[in-house]
Protein backbone atom coordinates (compact mmCIF):
# COMPACT_ATOMS: atom_id res chain seq x y z
CA UNK A 1 -0.16 -0.13 -0.10
CA UNK A 2 2.51 2.44 0.71
CA UNK A 3 4.70 1.43 -2.81
CA UNK A 4 1.84 2.49 -4.53
CA UNK A 5 1.27 4.98 -2.74
CA UNK A 6 4.92 6.49 -3.29
CA UNK A 7 4.44 5.32 -7.09
CA UNK A 8 0.62 7.92 -7.33
CA UNK A 9 2.23 10.37 -5.51
CA UNK A 10 5.74 9.95 -7.76
CA UNK A 11 3.49 10.45 -11.12
CA UNK A 12 1.33 12.96 -9.84
CA UNK A 13 4.34 15.14 -9.29
CA UNK A 14 5.85 14.91 -12.29
CA UNK A 15 2.46 14.88 -14.16
CA UNK A 16 1.49 18.35 -12.57
CA UNK A 17 4.22 20.06 -15.05
CA UNK A 18 2.00 19.12 -17.57
CA UNK A 19 -0.09 22.38 -16.82
CA UNK A 20 3.19 25.09 -15.90
CA UNK A 21 3.88 27.08 -18.53
CA UNK A 22 7.27 27.14 -19.70
CA UNK A 23 9.62 29.72 -19.53
CA UNK A 24 12.89 29.32 -21.53
CA UNK A 25 15.67 30.11 -19.74
CA UNK A 26 14.62 29.62 -16.21
CA UNK A 27 14.32 26.22 -14.36
CA UNK A 28 11.28 27.56 -12.97
CA UNK A 29 7.76 27.06 -14.39
CA UNK A 30 5.16 29.73 -14.40
CA UNK A 31 1.18 29.15 -14.11
CA UNK A 32 -1.57 27.10 -15.40
CA UNK A 33 -1.95 26.89 -19.36
CA UNK A 34 -3.15 23.85 -21.70
CA UNK A 35 -0.54 24.43 -23.88
CA UNK A 36 1.81 21.85 -23.79
CA UNK A 37 -1.27 19.26 -24.90
CA UNK A 38 -1.24 21.29 -27.60
CA UNK A 39 2.77 21.42 -28.58
CA UNK A 40 2.24 17.18 -28.54
CA UNK A 41 0.57 18.05 -32.34
CA UNK A 42 3.69 19.64 -33.48
CA UNK A 43 5.51 16.99 -36.32
CA UNK A 44 8.65 17.15 -34.38
CA UNK A 45 6.75 15.33 -31.35
CA UNK A 46 4.32 13.65 -33.27
CA UNK A 47 6.45 12.20 -35.53
CA UNK A 48 8.17 10.88 -32.75
CA UNK A 49 5.26 9.75 -31.08
CA UNK A 50 4.66 7.60 -33.96
CA UNK A 51 7.90 6.25 -34.28
CA UNK A 52 7.89 5.33 -30.94
CA UNK A 53 4.59 3.65 -31.43
CA UNK A 54 5.54 1.57 -34.88
CA UNK A 55 8.82 0.37 -33.40
CA UNK A 56 7.25 -0.90 -30.35
CA UNK A 57 4.71 -2.82 -32.38
CA UNK A 58 7.38 -4.11 -34.60
CA UNK A 59 9.94 -5.06 -32.24
CA UNK A 60 6.59 -6.86 -29.96
CA UNK A 61 5.85 -8.84 -33.24
CA UNK A 62 9.41 -9.75 -33.91
CA UNK A 63 10.02 -11.00 -30.72
CA UNK A 64 6.85 -13.05 -30.94
CA UNK A 65 8.20 -14.33 -33.72
CA UNK A 66 11.46 -15.04 -32.94
CA UNK A 67 10.57 -16.47 -29.22
CA UNK A 68 7.81 -18.73 -30.04
CA UNK A 69 9.63 -21.47 -31.62
CA UNK A 70 12.13 -21.54 -28.64
CA UNK A 71 9.63 -21.80 -26.22
CA UNK A 72 7.95 -24.58 -27.87
CA UNK A 73 11.05 -26.45 -27.65
CA UNK A 74 11.56 -24.95 -24.38
CA UNK A 75 8.86 -27.30 -22.66
CA UNK A 76 8.07 -30.04 -25.14
CA UNK A 77 11.54 -31.35 -25.50
CA UNK A 78 12.36 -34.76 -24.36
CA UNK A 79 15.99 -34.42 -24.68
CA UNK A 80 16.96 -32.75 -20.56
CA UNK A 81 20.19 -31.46 -21.72
CA UNK A 82 18.82 -29.32 -24.61
CA UNK A 83 16.06 -28.09 -22.41
CA UNK A 84 18.74 -27.39 -20.14
CA UNK A 85 20.71 -25.29 -22.81
CA UNK A 86 17.55 -23.09 -24.10
CA UNK A 87 17.19 -22.24 -20.38
CA UNK A 88 20.59 -21.54 -20.36
CA UNK A 89 20.41 -19.38 -23.49
CA UNK A 90 16.99 -17.68 -22.43
CA UNK A 91 17.50 -16.79 -19.31
CA UNK A 92 21.51 -15.41 -19.74
CA UNK A 93 20.28 -12.50 -21.23
CA UNK A 94 18.76 -11.59 -17.99
CA UNK A 95 21.76 -10.90 -15.88
CA UNK A 96 23.24 -8.50 -18.54
CA UNK A 97 22.84 -5.08 -17.87
CA UNK A 98 20.86 -2.90 -21.19
CA UNK A 99 23.89 -1.00 -22.25
CA UNK A 100 26.34 -3.93 -22.05
CA UNK A 101 23.76 -5.69 -24.56
CA UNK A 102 23.58 -2.49 -26.65
CA UNK A 103 27.42 -1.84 -26.86
CA UNK A 104 27.67 -5.95 -27.76
CA UNK A 105 24.98 -5.03 -30.46
CA UNK A 106 27.06 -1.28 -31.82
CA UNK A 107 30.00 -3.95 -32.24
CA UNK A 108 27.84 -6.27 -34.67
CA UNK A 109 25.86 -4.50 -36.49
CA UNK A 110 29.06 -1.44 -37.33
CA UNK A 111 30.76 -0.22 -40.14
CA UNK A 112 32.65 -2.38 -39.31
CA UNK A 113 31.32 -4.70 -37.22
CA UNK A 114 30.89 -8.95 -37.66
CA UNK A 115 27.43 -8.80 -40.16
CA UNK A 116 29.18 -6.05 -42.33
CA UNK A 117 32.89 -8.14 -42.20
CA UNK A 118 30.75 -11.55 -43.02
CA UNK A 119 28.48 -10.02 -45.36
CA UNK A 120 32.03 -8.13 -47.25
CA UNK A 121 33.67 -11.66 -46.75
CA UNK A 122 31.58 -13.77 -48.96
CA UNK A 123 31.22 -10.85 -51.63
CA UNK A 124 27.24 -10.40 -51.24
CA UNK A 125 28.07 -6.25 -50.59
CA UNK A 126 30.94 -4.31 -51.65
CA UNK A 127 30.46 -1.36 -49.18
CA UNK A 128 29.34 -2.09 -45.28
CA UNK A 129 26.36 -1.38 -44.96
CA UNK A 130 24.27 0.92 -43.26
CA UNK A 131 23.10 -1.15 -39.57
CA UNK A 132 23.33 1.94 -37.18
CA UNK A 133 21.17 5.04 -36.34
CA UNK A 134 18.50 3.22 -38.36
CA UNK A 135 15.13 1.85 -37.35
CA UNK A 136 16.37 -1.40 -38.35
CA UNK A 137 18.73 -1.50 -36.01
CA UNK A 138 17.23 0.06 -33.20
CA UNK A 139 14.52 -3.14 -33.39
CA UNK A 140 17.06 -5.69 -33.66
CA UNK A 141 18.75 -4.58 -30.51
CA UNK A 142 15.71 -4.32 -29.04
CA UNK A 143 13.83 -7.68 -30.12
CA UNK A 144 17.36 -9.32 -28.20
CA UNK A 145 16.60 -7.47 -24.94
CA UNK A 146 13.26 -8.26 -24.81
CA UNK A 147 13.45 -12.30 -26.29
CA UNK A 148 13.79 -13.49 -22.69
CA UNK A 149 11.00 -11.68 -21.16
CA UNK A 150 8.21 -13.00 -24.16
CA UNK A 151 9.94 -16.30 -24.26
CA UNK A 152 9.38 -16.48 -20.33
CA UNK A 153 5.92 -15.90 -21.32
CA UNK A 154 5.38 -18.00 -23.89
CA UNK A 155 6.62 -21.30 -22.08
CA UNK A 156 4.38 -20.58 -19.14
CA UNK A 157 1.48 -20.62 -21.89
CA UNK A 158 2.28 -23.50 -23.48
CA UNK A 159 3.05 -25.45 -20.73
CA UNK A 160 -0.33 -25.05 -19.41
CA UNK A 161 -1.90 -26.89 -23.14
CA UNK A 162 -3.67 -30.10 -22.45
CA UNK A 163 -1.83 -32.42 -24.94
CA UNK A 164 -4.98 -35.19 -25.00
CA UNK A 165 -6.08 -32.48 -27.01
CA UNK A 166 -3.15 -32.65 -29.42
CA UNK A 167 -3.24 -36.77 -29.35
CA UNK A 168 -7.03 -36.51 -29.96
CA UNK A 169 -6.91 -34.21 -33.40
CA UNK A 170 -3.29 -36.38 -34.07
CA UNK A 171 -5.78 -39.18 -34.19
CA UNK A 172 -8.40 -38.04 -36.22
CA UNK A 173 -5.35 -37.77 -38.49
CA UNK A 174 -4.22 -34.21 -38.75
CA UNK A 175 -0.62 -33.73 -39.72
CA UNK A 176 1.51 -32.60 -36.70
CA UNK A 177 1.89 -29.11 -38.76
CA UNK A 178 -1.87 -29.09 -38.66
CA UNK A 179 -2.39 -29.64 -35.38
CA UNK A 180 0.47 -27.31 -34.08
CA UNK A 181 -1.12 -24.73 -36.30
CA UNK A 182 -5.17 -25.50 -35.29
CA UNK A 183 -4.65 -26.95 -32.35
CA UNK A 184 -1.82 -25.62 -30.23
CA UNK A 185 -1.46 -21.51 -31.43
CA UNK A 186 -5.52 -20.88 -30.53
CA UNK A 187 -5.42 -22.68 -27.09
CA UNK A 188 -1.97 -20.93 -26.42
CA UNK A 189 -3.64 -17.18 -27.89
CA UNK A 190 -4.30 -16.11 -24.43
CA UNK A 191 -0.31 -16.01 -23.71
CA UNK A 192 0.63 -15.14 -27.41
CA UNK A 193 -1.36 -11.71 -26.85
CA UNK A 194 -0.86 -10.92 -23.34
CA UNK A 195 2.58 -11.60 -24.11
CA UNK A 196 2.75 -9.39 -27.01
CA UNK A 197 1.53 -6.49 -25.44
CA UNK A 198 3.70 -6.68 -22.24
CA UNK A 199 6.70 -6.11 -24.44
CA UNK A 200 5.14 -3.54 -26.65
CA UNK A 201 4.11 -1.52 -23.73
CA UNK A 202 7.55 -2.40 -22.19
CA UNK A 203 9.36 -1.85 -25.16
CA UNK A 204 7.83 2.08 -24.88
CA UNK A 205 9.65 2.98 -22.58
CA UNK A 206 13.25 2.16 -24.17
CA UNK A 207 16.27 4.69 -23.97
CA UNK A 208 19.57 3.36 -23.85
CA UNK A 209 19.11 1.20 -26.76
CA UNK A 210 17.98 4.14 -29.10
CA UNK A 211 19.89 6.64 -27.93
CA UNK A 212 23.18 4.26 -28.10
CA UNK A 213 21.86 2.39 -31.51
CA UNK A 214 20.30 5.53 -32.78
CA UNK A 215 22.49 7.66 -32.16
CA UNK A 216 19.77 10.98 -32.21
CA UNK A 217 18.80 9.52 -35.90
CA UNK A 218 16.01 7.54 -34.81
CA UNK A 219 14.46 8.92 -31.08
CA UNK A 220 11.36 7.87 -29.12
CA UNK A 221 10.11 9.25 -26.11
CA UNK A 222 11.58 8.22 -23.61
CA UNK A 223 14.75 10.48 -25.47
CA UNK A 224 12.95 13.14 -26.23
CA UNK A 225 11.79 13.65 -22.67
CA UNK A 226 15.88 13.48 -21.78
CA UNK A 227 16.11 15.99 -24.67
CA UNK A 228 13.84 18.62 -23.27
CA UNK A 229 13.82 17.89 -20.26
CA UNK A 230 17.50 18.04 -19.38
CA UNK A 231 19.25 19.67 -22.67
CA UNK A 232 16.51 22.19 -23.06
CA UNK A 233 15.11 22.24 -19.61
CA UNK A 234 11.56 22.25 -20.94
CA UNK A 235 9.81 20.09 -18.13
CA UNK A 236 6.72 20.96 -18.97
CA UNK A 237 6.46 19.07 -22.03
CA UNK A 238 8.95 16.97 -20.92
CA UNK A 239 6.11 15.78 -18.61
CA UNK A 240 3.52 15.91 -21.00
CA UNK A 241 5.37 13.15 -23.20
CA UNK A 242 5.54 11.16 -20.23
CA UNK A 243 1.89 11.56 -19.49
CA UNK A 244 1.59 10.21 -23.47
CA UNK A 245 3.88 7.41 -23.04
CA UNK A 246 2.61 6.15 -19.66
CA UNK A 247 -0.91 6.72 -20.78
CA UNK A 248 -0.35 4.70 -24.11
CA UNK A 249 1.39 1.85 -22.34
CA UNK A 250 -0.87 1.75 -19.60
CA UNK A 251 -4.48 1.86 -22.23
CA UNK A 252 -2.91 -0.14 -24.15
CA UNK A 253 -2.73 -3.11 -21.05
CA UNK A 254 -6.47 -2.60 -19.54
CA UNK A 255 -7.84 -2.77 -23.12
CA UNK A 256 -6.54 -5.96 -24.07
CA UNK A 257 -7.06 -7.35 -20.68
CA UNK A 258 -10.85 -7.86 -21.38
CA UNK A 259 -9.54 -9.73 -24.46
CA UNK A 260 -7.43 -12.44 -23.27
CA UNK A 261 -10.38 -12.73 -20.05
CA UNK A 262 -12.38 -13.64 -23.08
CA UNK A 263 -9.52 -15.54 -24.90
CA UNK A 264 -9.16 -17.67 -21.71
CA UNK A 265 -12.50 -18.57 -21.11
CA UNK A 266 -13.09 -20.11 -24.37
CA UNK A 267 -9.74 -22.27 -24.28
CA UNK A 268 -11.20 -23.03 -20.20
CA UNK A 269 -14.82 -24.33 -22.36
CA UNK A 270 -12.83 -26.27 -24.70
């Protein structure tokens, strides 16, 4: 209760700046105003918000596509050594800091990095491909950063699937791929939706990865908050941007909850 109260008071302390007037050249703020909310509609802020939503959505989608096979193998493999290996490979990145992993991706995606070295050595390209300072590079790093959490969430959903349904479908003549697509995937749909939304909401607050991989050319809301709050000392606009990110993240989780609940009820009825 005390922790929740402290969080609410902290958010209120930040959000109250949204209604304050920005005074250029001063750390103090002025009186009450709604102009800060109108400023969000400017192309600079609006495009950054759209880029943040797009990057977060693509990160969640690619993370789902890459994590589901790993989570499925983690739950269904009968080889203990393979399960142990998958657990280690899946969980170990969580023990490495975001900045460390981001710097590792800078070495991989750089002009003289691992990927470009391989491409040039194979003769696929004659000049280094620009991966750094692009949305593609940011999304790649964010997918790697988010995959451990996605794998854990999906593995939990897959582990709760009753294998009898799959065996019944197979006994009726369904091919393994049909069983997977028509039985396993629908039964894990609540976990798929929930984990995708969690990664989407989590990625919206990314700072270090777009800051380092994007190099100032790819901005997300957190980076813009930093620029407005600590570089320009425009605390009111920074507070509004923080409120937008918070509402978008919490709103996405709240909106999907009824949908996930309905899916869980349908799965339980089956």
